[in-house]
Amino acid sequence: MRRTVLEQFPAGDPRGSRAAEQFAAARRGEGMAAEVVMNLDQDAFLVVVEQPSADR
């Protein structure tokens, strides 16, 4: 499995991870298994989904 980034949100945003969590919740409402992860190198919250690997 590989992860695909759907959207990213700056960690320094005054709302913190809330915007990312809301975006992920909306995607889950559409049937996607979206989750929020932190990218420390970019200082951002990422909304990701798992995708099957193309080499299978």
PDB file of N, CA and C in Angstrom:
ATOM      1  N   MET A   1       0.840  -1.179   0.000  1.00  0.00           N
ATOM      2  CA  MET A   1       0.000   0.000   0.000  1.00  0.00           C
ATOM      3  C   MET A   1       0.888   1.247   0.000  1.00  0.00           C
ATOM      4  N   ARG A   2       0.388   2.268  -0.645  1.00  0.00           N
ATOM      5  CA  ARG A   2       1.081   3.551  -0.621  1.00  0.00           C
ATOM      6  C   ARG A   2       0.072   4.610  -0.195  1.00  0.00           C
ATOM      7  N   ARG A   3       0.568   5.715   0.268  1.00  0.00           N
ATOM      8  CA  ARG A   3      -0.305   6.797   0.715  1.00  0.00           C
ATOM      9  C   ARG A   3      -0.334   7.910  -0.318  1.00  0.00           C
ATOM     10  N   THR A   4      -1.500   8.465  -0.516  1.00  0.00           N
ATOM     11  CA  THR A   4      -1.684   9.607  -1.397  1.00  0.00           C
ATOM     12  C   THR A   4      -2.128  10.799  -0.547  1.00  0.00           C
ATOM     13  N   VAL A   5      -1.460  11.920  -0.727  1.00  0.00           N
ATOM     14  CA  VAL A   5      -1.823  13.136   0.005  1.00  0.00           C
ATOM     15  C   VAL A   5      -2.955  13.825  -0.740  1.00  0.00           C
ATOM     16  N   LEU A   6      -4.076  14.006  -0.071  1.00  0.00           N
ATOM     17  CA  LEU A   6      -5.222  14.705  -0.671  1.00  0.00           C
ATOM     18  C   LEU A   6      -5.109  16.213  -0.501  1.00  0.00           C
ATOM     19  N   GLU A   7      -4.603  16.633   0.658  1.00  0.00           N
ATOM     20  CA  GLU A   7      -4.535  18.063   0.976  1.00  0.00           C
ATOM     21  C   GLU A   7      -3.537  18.260   2.097  1.00  0.00           C
ATOM     22  N   GLN A   8      -2.963  19.452   2.174  1.00  0.00           N
ATOM     23  CA  GLN A   8      -2.096  19.767   3.308  1.00  0.00           C
ATOM     24  C   GLN A   8      -2.473  21.117   3.887  1.00  0.00           C
ATOM     25  N   PHE A   9      -2.272  21.236   5.194  1.00  0.00           N
ATOM     26  CA  PHE A   9      -2.643  22.430   5.940  1.00  0.00           C
ATOM     27  C   PHE A   9      -1.458  22.849   6.792  1.00  0.00           C
ATOM     28  N   PRO A  10      -1.098  24.130   6.818  1.00  0.00           N
ATOM     29  CA  PRO A  10       0.045  24.575   7.614  1.00  0.00           C
ATOM     30  C   PRO A  10      -0.199  24.353   9.109  1.00  0.00           C
ATOM     31  N   ALA A  11       0.803  23.836   9.783  1.00  0.00           N
ATOM     32  CA  ALA A  11       0.675  23.574  11.218  1.00  0.00           C
ATOM     33  C   ALA A  11       0.618  24.872  12.011  1.00  0.00           C
ATOM     34  N   GLY A  12       1.168  25.945  11.477  1.00  0.00           N
ATOM     35  CA  GLY A  12       1.161  27.226  12.171  1.00  0.00           C
ATOM     36  C   GLY A  12      -0.146  27.983  12.066  1.00  0.00           C
ATOM     37  N   ASP A  13      -1.117  27.415  11.372  1.00  0.00           N
ATOM     38  CA  ASP A  13      -2.418  28.056  11.227  1.00  0.00           C
ATOM     39  C   ASP A  13      -3.048  28.242  12.610  1.00  0.00           C
ATOM     40  N   PRO A  14      -3.714  29.355  12.859  1.00  0.00           N
ATOM     41  CA  PRO A  14      -4.331  29.575  14.173  1.00  0.00           C
ATOM     42  C   PRO A  14      -5.325  28.484  14.570  1.00  0.00           C
ATOM     43  N   ARG A  15      -5.904  27.810  13.597  1.00  0.00           N
ATOM     44  CA  ARG A  15      -6.869  26.754  13.902  1.00  0.00           C
ATOM     45  C   ARG A  15      -6.177  25.419  14.159  1.00  0.00           C
ATOM     46  N   GLY A  16      -4.845  25.359  14.017  1.00  0.00           N
ATOM     47  CA  GLY A  16      -4.114  24.112  14.259  1.00  0.00           C
ATOM     48  C   GLY A  16      -4.538  23.019  13.304  1.00  0.00           C
ATOM     49  N   SER A  17      -4.754  21.815  13.818  1.00  0.00           N
ATOM     50  CA  SER A  17      -5.103  20.682  12.973  1.00  0.00           C
ATOM     51  C   SER A  17      -6.596  20.625  12.662  1.00  0.00           C
ATOM     52  N   ARG A  18      -7.365  21.555  13.189  1.00  0.00           N
ATOM     53  CA  ARG A  18      -8.823  21.495  13.031  1.00  0.00           C
ATOM     54  C   ARG A  18      -9.274  21.484  11.566  1.00  0.00           C
ATOM     55  N   ALA A  19      -8.671  22.322  10.739  1.00  0.00           N
ATOM     56  CA  ALA A  19      -9.056  22.352   9.322  1.00  0.00           C
ATOM     57  C   ALA A  19      -8.745  21.018   8.654  1.00  0.00           C
ATOM     58  N   ALA A  20      -7.610  20.438   8.989  1.00  0.00           N
ATOM     59  CA  ALA A  20      -7.245  19.138   8.421  1.00  0.00           C
ATOM     60  C   ALA A  20      -8.215  18.064   8.899  1.00  0.00           C
ATOM     61  N   GLU A  21      -8.561  18.090  10.174  1.00  0.00           N
ATOM     62  CA  GLU A  21      -9.493  17.096  10.718  1.00  0.00           C
ATOM     63  C   GLU A  21     -10.878  17.232  10.076  1.00  0.00           C
ATOM     64  N   GLN A  22     -11.312  18.456   9.842  1.00  0.00           N
ATOM     65  CA  GLN A  22     -12.617  18.671   9.203  1.00  0.00           C
ATOM     66  C   GLN A  22     -12.597  18.170   7.756  1.00  0.00           C
ATOM     67  N   PHE A  23     -11.505  18.443   7.041  1.00  0.00           N
ATOM     68  CA  PHE A  23     -11.380  17.983   5.667  1.00  0.00           C
ATOM     69  C   PHE A  23     -11.386  16.454   5.619  1.00  0.00           C
ATOM     70  N   ALA A  24     -10.633  15.819   6.522  1.00  0.00           N
ATOM     71  CA  ALA A  24     -10.580  14.355   6.571  1.00  0.00           C
ATOM     72  C   ALA A  24     -11.954  13.767   6.912  1.00  0.00           C
ATOM     73  N   ALA A  25     -12.662  14.397   7.838  1.00  0.00           N
ATOM     74  CA  ALA A  25     -13.995  13.912   8.209  1.00  0.00           C
ATOM     75  C   ALA A  25     -14.953  13.984   7.023  1.00  0.00           C
ATOM     76  N   ALA A  26     -14.849  15.049   6.243  1.00  0.00           N
ATOM     77  CA  ALA A  26     -15.699  15.172   5.054  1.00  0.00           C
ATOM     78  C   ALA A  26     -15.379  14.075   4.050  1.00  0.00           C
ATOM     79  N   ARG A  27     -14.097  13.744   3.891  1.00  0.00           N
ATOM     80  CA  ARG A  27     -13.715  12.673   2.962  1.00  0.00           C
ATOM     81  C   ARG A  27     -14.196  11.317   3.479  1.00  0.00           C
ATOM     82  N   ARG A  28     -14.125  11.115   4.801  1.00  0.00           N
ATOM     83  CA  ARG A  28     -14.637   9.862   5.373  1.00  0.00           C
ATOM     84  C   ARG A  28     -16.140   9.766   5.143  1.00  0.00           C
ATOM     85  N   GLY A  29     -16.836  10.900   5.201  1.00  0.00           N
ATOM     86  CA  GLY A  29     -18.266  10.917   4.905  1.00  0.00           C
ATOM     87  C   GLY A  29     -18.573  10.519   3.479  1.00  0.00           C
ATOM     88  N   GLU A  30     -17.591  10.678   2.587  1.00  0.00           N
ATOM     89  CA  GLU A  30     -17.722  10.273   1.186  1.00  0.00           C
ATOM     90  C   GLU A  30     -17.266   8.834   0.967  1.00  0.00           C
ATOM     91  N   GLY A  31     -16.878   8.156   2.055  1.00  0.00           N
ATOM     92  CA  GLY A  31     -16.482   6.760   1.944  1.00  0.00           C
ATOM     93  C   GLY A  31     -14.977   6.524   1.814  1.00  0.00           C
ATOM     94  N   MET A  32     -14.186   7.567   1.918  1.00  0.00           N
ATOM     95  CA  MET A  32     -12.731   7.404   1.836  1.00  0.00           C
ATOM     96  C   MET A  32     -12.176   7.185   3.246  1.00  0.00           C
ATOM     97  N   ALA A  33     -11.132   6.404   3.341  1.00  0.00           N
ATOM     98  CA  ALA A  33     -10.486   6.153   4.636  1.00  0.00           C
ATOM     99  C   ALA A  33      -9.391   7.194   4.864  1.00  0.00           C
ATOM    100  N   ALA A  34      -9.783   8.449   4.977  1.00  0.00           N
ATOM    101  CA  ALA A  34      -8.831   9.554   5.122  1.00  0.00           C
ATOM    102  C   ALA A  34      -8.383   9.677   6.571  1.00  0.00           C
ATOM    103  N   GLU A  35      -7.110  10.018   6.745  1.00  0.00           N
ATOM    104  CA  GLU A  35      -6.578  10.265   8.078  1.00  0.00           C
ATOM    105  C   GLU A  35      -5.633  11.451   8.034  1.00  0.00           C
ATOM    106  N   VAL A  36      -5.408  12.056   9.185  1.00  0.00           N
ATOM    107  CA  VAL A  36      -4.515  13.208   9.296  1.00  0.00           C
ATOM    108  C   VAL A  36      -3.200  12.746   9.901  1.00  0.00           C
ATOM    109  N   VAL A  37      -2.109  13.131   9.255  1.00  0.00           N
ATOM    110  CA  VAL A  37      -0.772  12.848   9.766  1.00  0.00           C
ATOM    111  C   VAL A  37       0.015  14.153   9.794  1.00  0.00           C
ATOM    112  N   MET A  38       1.059  14.191  10.588  1.00  0.00           N
ATOM    113  CA  MET A  38       1.895  15.385  10.696  1.00  0.00           C
ATOM    114  C   MET A  38       3.174  15.158   9.907  1.00  0.00           C
ATOM    115  N   ASN A  39       3.524  16.109   9.059  1.00  0.00           N
ATOM    116  CA  ASN A  39       4.804  16.101   8.356  1.00  0.00           C
ATOM    117  C   ASN A  39       5.676  17.127   9.060  1.00  0.00           C
ATOM    118  N   LEU A  40       6.620  16.634   9.871  1.00  0.00           N
ATOM    119  CA  LEU A  40       7.460  17.530  10.654  1.00  0.00           C
ATOM    120  C   LEU A  40       8.415  18.325   9.783  1.00  0.00           C
ATOM    121  N   ASP A  41       8.902  17.730   8.692  1.00  0.00           N
ATOM    122  CA  ASP A  41       9.832  18.433   7.809  1.00  0.00           C
ATOM    123  C   ASP A  41       9.182  19.659   7.169  1.00  0.00           C
ATOM    124  N   GLN A  42       7.907  19.541   6.789  1.00  0.00           N
ATOM    125  CA  GLN A  42       7.200  20.646   6.145  1.00  0.00           C
ATOM    126  C   GLN A  42       6.378  21.465   7.140  1.00  0.00           C
ATOM    127  N   ASP A  43       6.339  21.027   8.397  1.00  0.00           N
ATOM    128  CA  ASP A  43       5.533  21.684   9.430  1.00  0.00           C
ATOM    129  C   ASP A  43       4.091  21.845   8.947  1.00  0.00           C
ATOM    130  N   ALA A  44       3.503  20.698   8.551  1.00  0.00           N
ATOM    131  CA  ALA A  44       2.158  20.717   7.988  1.00  0.00           C
ATOM    132  C   ALA A  44       1.396  19.463   8.391  1.00  0.00           C
ATOM    133  N   PHE A  45       0.074  19.600   8.451  1.00  0.00           N
ATOM    134  CA  PHE A  45      -0.809  18.455   8.624  1.00  0.00           C
ATOM    135  C   PHE A  45      -1.217  17.984   7.233  1.00  0.00           C
ATOM    136  N   LEU A  46      -1.110  16.680   6.991  1.00  0.00           N
ATOM    137  CA  LEU A  46      -1.468  16.111   5.703  1.00  0.00           C
ATOM    138  C   LEU A  46      -2.696  15.228   5.866  1.00  0.00           C
ATOM    139  N   VAL A  47      -3.610  15.319   4.923  1.00  0.00           N
ATOM    140  CA  VAL A  47      -4.748  14.395   4.879  1.00  0.00           C
ATOM    141  C   VAL A  47      -4.395  13.367   3.817  1.00  0.00           C
ATOM    142  N   VAL A  48      -4.305  12.109   4.251  1.00  0.00           N
ATOM    143  CA  VAL A  48      -3.847  11.045   3.354  1.00  0.00           C
ATOM    144  C   VAL A  48      -4.861   9.916   3.290  1.00  0.00           C
ATOM    145  N   VAL A  49      -4.805   9.172   2.195  1.00  0.00           N
ATOM    146  CA  VAL A  49      -5.569   7.941   2.036  1.00  0.00           C
ATOM    147  C   VAL A  49      -4.604   6.868   1.544  1.00  0.00           C
ATOM    148  N   GLU A  50      -4.864   5.634   1.914  1.00  0.00           N
ATOM    149  CA  GLU A  50      -4.052   4.512   1.443  1.00  0.00           C
ATOM    150  C   GLU A  50      -4.585   4.065   0.087  1.00  0.00           C
ATOM    151  N   GLN A  51      -3.648   3.806  -0.821  1.00  0.00           N
ATOM    152  CA  GLN A  51      -3.976   3.351  -2.167  1.00  0.00           C
ATOM    153  C   GLN A  51      -3.251   2.033  -2.400  1.00  0.00           C
ATOM    154  N   PRO A  52      -3.843   1.113  -3.136  1.00  0.00           N
ATOM    155  CA  PRO A  52      -3.108  -0.108  -3.469  1.00  0.00           C
ATOM    156  C   PRO A  52      -1.884   0.240  -4.316  1.00  0.00           C
ATOM    157  N   SER A  53      -0.810  -0.496  -4.128  1.00  0.00           N
ATOM    158  CA  SER A  53       0.405  -0.276  -4.912  1.00  0.00           C
ATOM    159  C   SER A  53       0.148  -0.611  -6.377  1.00  0.00           C
ATOM    160  N   ALA A  54       0.757   0.143  -7.260  1.00  0.00           N
ATOM    161  CA  ALA A  54       0.569  -0.063  -8.693  1.00  0.00           C
ATOM    162  C   ALA A  54       1.300  -1.313  -9.186  1.00  0.00           C
ATOM    163  N   ASP A  55       2.287  -1.804  -8.424  1.00  0.00           N
ATOM    164  CA  ASP A  55       3.071  -2.945  -8.875  1.00  0.00           C
ATOM    165  C   ASP A  55       2.456  -4.275  -8.492  1.00  0.00           C
ATOM    166  N   ARG A  56       1.185  -4.301  -8.182  1.00  0.00           N
ATOM    167  CA  ARG A  56       0.510  -5.567  -7.882  1.00  0.00           C
ATOM    168  C   ARG A  56      -0.472  -5.898  -8.939  1.00  0.00           C
TER     169      ARG A  56
END
